[in-house]
Amino acid sequence: MSKKLLSELVKDLDSKKPVIICGDMNVAHQEIDIANPKSNKRNAGFTQEERDGFSELLKSVNLTDGFRHKNPDVKGAYTFWTYMANARKKNIGWRLDYCLLSEKLSSNFCDCCHRHEVYGSDHCPVVSFLHI
């Protein structure tokens, strides 16, 4: 789905009720969201164009990154690790999985955590807590 189509869909849904989008967005948004930002600047998932596009999407539809909202300075909080070179064991990863929330829900948002101890994929589950 294109960014424009997603923006239109989220705006339409948000006009009716608050929106939560959870899942693999395939972009490490900020340098803090990747173990080796300098050596990955040209790699898919961390190009400046992708990161700027993600920022633009969040801003254009008033979505908040739940994890960064509650944990603005936490480093090493990744949700994806390549299967190569024991990356997960060494925590050389990327934060690609998000819980994005309508601004309307920010006061209801309690926390977001990564279940890095859960195996079975190259990603780990992301759990979000909201007070309703």
C-alpha atoms as a PDB file:
ATOM      1  CA  MET A   1       0.000   0.000   0.000  1.00  0.00           C
ATOM      2  CA  SER A   2       1.334   3.420  -0.888  1.00  0.00           C
ATOM      3  CA  LYS A   3       2.019   6.025   1.768  1.00  0.00           C
ATOM      4  CA  LYS A   4      -0.659   8.272   0.255  1.00  0.00           C
ATOM      5  CA  LEU A   5      -3.292   5.528   0.359  1.00  0.00           C
ATOM      6  CA  LEU A   6      -2.350   4.615   3.922  1.00  0.00           C
ATOM      7  CA  SER A   7      -2.548   8.274   4.971  1.00  0.00           C
ATOM      8  CA  GLU A   8      -5.998   8.640   3.431  1.00  0.00           C
ATOM      9  CA  LEU A   9      -7.221   5.433   5.078  1.00  0.00           C
ATOM     10  CA  VAL A  10      -5.889   6.400   8.507  1.00  0.00           C
ATOM     11  CA  LYS A  11      -7.367   9.916   8.262  1.00  0.00           C
ATOM     12  CA  ASP A  12     -10.749   8.478   7.301  1.00  0.00           C
ATOM     13  CA  LEU A  13     -10.698   5.923  10.124  1.00  0.00           C
ATOM     14  CA  ASP A  14      -9.430   8.474  12.645  1.00  0.00           C
ATOM     15  CA  SER A  15     -12.357  10.778  11.823  1.00  0.00           C
ATOM     16  CA  LYS A  16     -14.665   7.994  13.049  1.00  0.00           C
ATOM     17  CA  LYS A  17     -12.674   6.494  15.922  1.00  0.00           C
ATOM     18  CA  PRO A  18      -9.104   6.375  17.256  1.00  0.00           C
ATOM     19  CA  VAL A  19      -6.665   4.258  15.267  1.00  0.00           C
ATOM     20  CA  ILE A  20      -3.998   1.787  16.390  1.00  0.00           C
ATOM     21  CA  ILE A  21      -1.570   0.339  13.849  1.00  0.00           C
ATOM     22  CA  CYS A  22       0.695  -2.437  15.050  1.00  0.00           C
ATOM     23  CA  GLY A  23       3.216  -4.393  13.055  1.00  0.00           C
ATOM     24  CA  ASP A  24       6.374  -4.514  11.005  1.00  0.00           C
ATOM     25  CA  MET A  25       6.766  -1.155   9.267  1.00  0.00           C
ATOM     26  CA  ASN A  26      10.126  -2.165   7.699  1.00  0.00           C
ATOM     27  CA  VAL A  27      11.864   1.046   8.747  1.00  0.00           C
ATOM     28  CA  ALA A  28      14.112   1.870  11.681  1.00  0.00           C
ATOM     29  CA  HIS A  29      12.847   5.407  12.223  1.00  0.00           C
ATOM     30  CA  GLN A  30      15.679   6.996  14.199  1.00  0.00           C
ATOM     31  CA  GLU A  31      19.365   6.250  14.739  1.00  0.00           C
ATOM     32  CA  ILE A  32      18.523   5.012  18.243  1.00  0.00           C
ATOM     33  CA  ASP A  33      16.373   2.307  16.588  1.00  0.00           C
ATOM     34  CA  ILE A  34      19.276   0.454  14.982  1.00  0.00           C
ATOM     35  CA  ALA A  35      22.467  -1.037  16.399  1.00  0.00           C
ATOM     36  CA  ASN A  36      24.794   0.259  13.673  1.00  0.00           C
ATOM     37  CA  PRO A  37      23.310   3.399  12.142  1.00  0.00           C
ATOM     38  CA  LYS A  38      26.449   4.673  10.404  1.00  0.00           C
ATOM     39  CA  SER A  39      27.084   1.484   8.428  1.00  0.00           C
ATOM     40  CA  ASN A  40      23.409   1.047   7.472  1.00  0.00           C
ATOM     41  CA  LYS A  41      22.578   4.482   6.027  1.00  0.00           C
ATOM     42  CA  ARG A  42      22.257   3.057   2.498  1.00  0.00           C
ATOM     43  CA  ASN A  43      20.511  -0.183   3.454  1.00  0.00           C
ATOM     44  CA  ALA A  44      16.812  -0.760   2.864  1.00  0.00           C
ATOM     45  CA  GLY A  45      14.892   0.014   6.031  1.00  0.00           C
ATOM     46  CA  PHE A  46      17.221   2.811   7.099  1.00  0.00           C
ATOM     47  CA  THR A  47      17.650   5.102   4.096  1.00  0.00           C
ATOM     48  CA  GLN A  48      17.041   8.784   4.720  1.00  0.00           C
ATOM     49  CA  GLU A  49      14.167   8.698   2.229  1.00  0.00           C
ATOM     50  CA  GLU A  50      12.414   5.884   4.150  1.00  0.00           C
ATOM     51  CA  ARG A  51      12.977   7.525   7.510  1.00  0.00           C
ATOM     52  CA  ASP A  52      11.734  10.909   6.252  1.00  0.00           C
ATOM     53  CA  GLY A  53       8.699   9.214   4.702  1.00  0.00           C
ATOM     54  CA  PHE A  54       7.883   7.525   7.992  1.00  0.00           C
ATOM     55  CA  SER A  55       8.219  10.845   9.858  1.00  0.00           C
ATOM     56  CA  GLU A  56       5.965  12.493   7.294  1.00  0.00           C
ATOM     57  CA  LEU A  57       3.364   9.728   7.651  1.00  0.00           C
ATOM     58  CA  LEU A  58       3.297  10.013  11.446  1.00  0.00           C
ATOM     59  CA  LYS A  59       2.964  13.784  11.283  1.00  0.00           C
ATOM     60  CA  SER A  60       0.384  13.904   8.482  1.00  0.00           C
ATOM     61  CA  VAL A  61      -2.050  11.587  10.267  1.00  0.00           C
ATOM     62  CA  ASN A  62      -1.168  12.525  13.871  1.00  0.00           C
ATOM     63  CA  LEU A  63       0.149   9.115  14.911  1.00  0.00           C
ATOM     64  CA  THR A  64       2.393   8.595  17.921  1.00  0.00           C
ATOM     65  CA  ASP A  65       5.075   5.913  18.173  1.00  0.00           C
ATOM     66  CA  GLY A  66       3.967   4.369  21.472  1.00  0.00           C
ATOM     67  CA  PHE A  67       7.320   2.872  22.429  1.00  0.00           C
ATOM     68  CA  ARG A  68       9.310   6.068  21.791  1.00  0.00           C
ATOM     69  CA  HIS A  69       6.600   8.145  23.472  1.00  0.00           C
ATOM     70  CA  LYS A  70       7.206   6.239  26.721  1.00  0.00           C
ATOM     71  CA  ASN A  71      10.893   5.408  26.183  1.00  0.00           C
ATOM     72  CA  PRO A  72      12.486   8.328  24.312  1.00  0.00           C
ATOM     73  CA  ASP A  73      16.085   7.499  25.217  1.00  0.00           C
ATOM     74  CA  VAL A  74      16.126   3.690  25.526  1.00  0.00           C
ATOM     75  CA  LYS A  75      18.870   2.158  23.385  1.00  0.00           C
ATOM     76  CA  GLY A  76      19.186  -1.475  22.352  1.00  0.00           C
ATOM     77  CA  ALA A  77      15.411  -2.006  22.222  1.00  0.00           C
ATOM     78  CA  TYR A  78      15.160  -3.920  18.971  1.00  0.00           C
ATOM     79  CA  THR A  79      12.431  -6.072  17.485  1.00  0.00           C
ATOM     80  CA  PHE A  80      14.308  -7.658  14.563  1.00  0.00           C
ATOM     81  CA  TRP A  81      17.638  -9.470  14.317  1.00  0.00           C
ATOM     82  CA  THR A  82      19.107 -11.188  11.296  1.00  0.00           C
ATOM     83  CA  TYR A  83      19.656 -14.919  11.680  1.00  0.00           C
ATOM     84  CA  MET A  84      23.311 -14.420  10.688  1.00  0.00           C
ATOM     85  CA  ALA A  85      26.300 -14.070  13.027  1.00  0.00           C
ATOM     86  CA  ASN A  86      24.343 -14.582  16.285  1.00  0.00           C
ATOM     87  CA  ALA A  87      22.897 -11.085  15.900  1.00  0.00           C
ATOM     88  CA  ARG A  88      20.057 -11.706  18.335  1.00  0.00           C
ATOM     89  CA  LYS A  89      22.334 -13.105  21.022  1.00  0.00           C
ATOM     90  CA  LYS A  90      24.608 -10.064  20.589  1.00  0.00           C
ATOM     91  CA  ASN A  91      21.571  -7.723  20.355  1.00  0.00           C
ATOM     92  CA  ILE A  92      22.677  -6.301  17.021  1.00  0.00           C
ATOM     93  CA  GLY A  93      19.245  -5.458  15.733  1.00  0.00           C
ATOM     94  CA  TRP A  94      16.727  -3.042  14.342  1.00  0.00           C
ATOM     95  CA  ARG A  95      13.458  -1.713  15.755  1.00  0.00           C
ATOM     96  CA  LEU A  96      11.125  -2.305  12.820  1.00  0.00           C
ATOM     97  CA  ASP A  97       7.921  -3.213  14.675  1.00  0.00           C
ATOM     98  CA  TYR A  98       5.718  -0.483  16.048  1.00  0.00           C
ATOM     99  CA  CYS A  99       2.540   0.351  17.889  1.00  0.00           C
ATOM    100  CA  LEU A 100       1.322   3.585  16.331  1.00  0.00           C
ATOM    101  CA  LEU A 101      -1.576   5.381  18.007  1.00  0.00           C
ATOM    102  CA  SER A 102      -3.905   8.227  17.203  1.00  0.00           C
ATOM    103  CA  GLU A 103      -3.092  11.317  19.236  1.00  0.00           C
ATOM    104  CA  LYS A 104      -6.575  10.853  20.724  1.00  0.00           C
ATOM    105  CA  LEU A 105      -5.292   7.733  22.504  1.00  0.00           C
ATOM    106  CA  SER A 106      -2.043   9.133  23.884  1.00  0.00           C
ATOM    107  CA  SER A 107      -3.536   9.775  27.319  1.00  0.00           C
ATOM    108  CA  ASN A 108      -4.809   6.163  27.431  1.00  0.00           C
ATOM    109  CA  PHE A 109      -1.448   4.675  26.460  1.00  0.00           C
ATOM    110  CA  CYS A 110       0.329   3.074  29.426  1.00  0.00           C
ATOM    111  CA  ASP A 111       3.353   1.272  28.006  1.00  0.00           C
ATOM    112  CA  CYS A 112       4.856  -0.756  25.192  1.00  0.00           C
ATOM    113  CA  CYS A 113       7.356  -3.556  25.613  1.00  0.00           C
ATOM    114  CA  HIS A 114       9.301  -5.889  23.383  1.00  0.00           C
ATOM    115  CA  ARG A 115       9.222  -9.592  24.245  1.00  0.00           C
ATOM    116  CA  HIS A 116      12.766 -10.262  23.025  1.00  0.00           C
ATOM    117  CA  GLU A 117      12.878 -13.548  24.936  1.00  0.00           C
ATOM    118  CA  VAL A 118      10.148 -15.009  22.685  1.00  0.00           C
ATOM    119  CA  TYR A 119      11.717 -16.950  19.821  1.00  0.00           C
ATOM    120  CA  GLY A 120      10.211 -18.474  16.686  1.00  0.00           C
ATOM    121  CA  SER A 121      10.891 -15.632  14.268  1.00  0.00           C
ATOM    122  CA  ASP A 122      13.565 -13.108  13.407  1.00  0.00           C
ATOM    123  CA  HIS A 123      11.191 -10.568  15.007  1.00  0.00           C
ATOM    124  CA  CYS A 124       9.901 -10.485  18.577  1.00  0.00           C
ATOM    125  CA  PRO A 125       6.380  -9.660  19.725  1.00  0.00           C
ATOM    126  CA  VAL A 126       5.561  -6.100  20.693  1.00  0.00           C
ATOM    127  CA  VAL A 127       2.997  -5.681  23.451  1.00  0.00           C
ATOM    128  CA  SER A 128       1.135  -2.449  24.133  1.00  0.00           C
ATOM    129  CA  PHE A 129      -0.928  -1.543  27.167  1.00  0.00           C
ATOM    130  CA  LEU A 130      -3.798   0.926  27.086  1.00  0.00           C
ATOM    131  CA  HIS A 131      -6.106   2.045  29.847  1.00  0.00           C
ATOM    132  CA  ILE A 132      -9.632   2.195  28.511  1.00  0.00           C
END
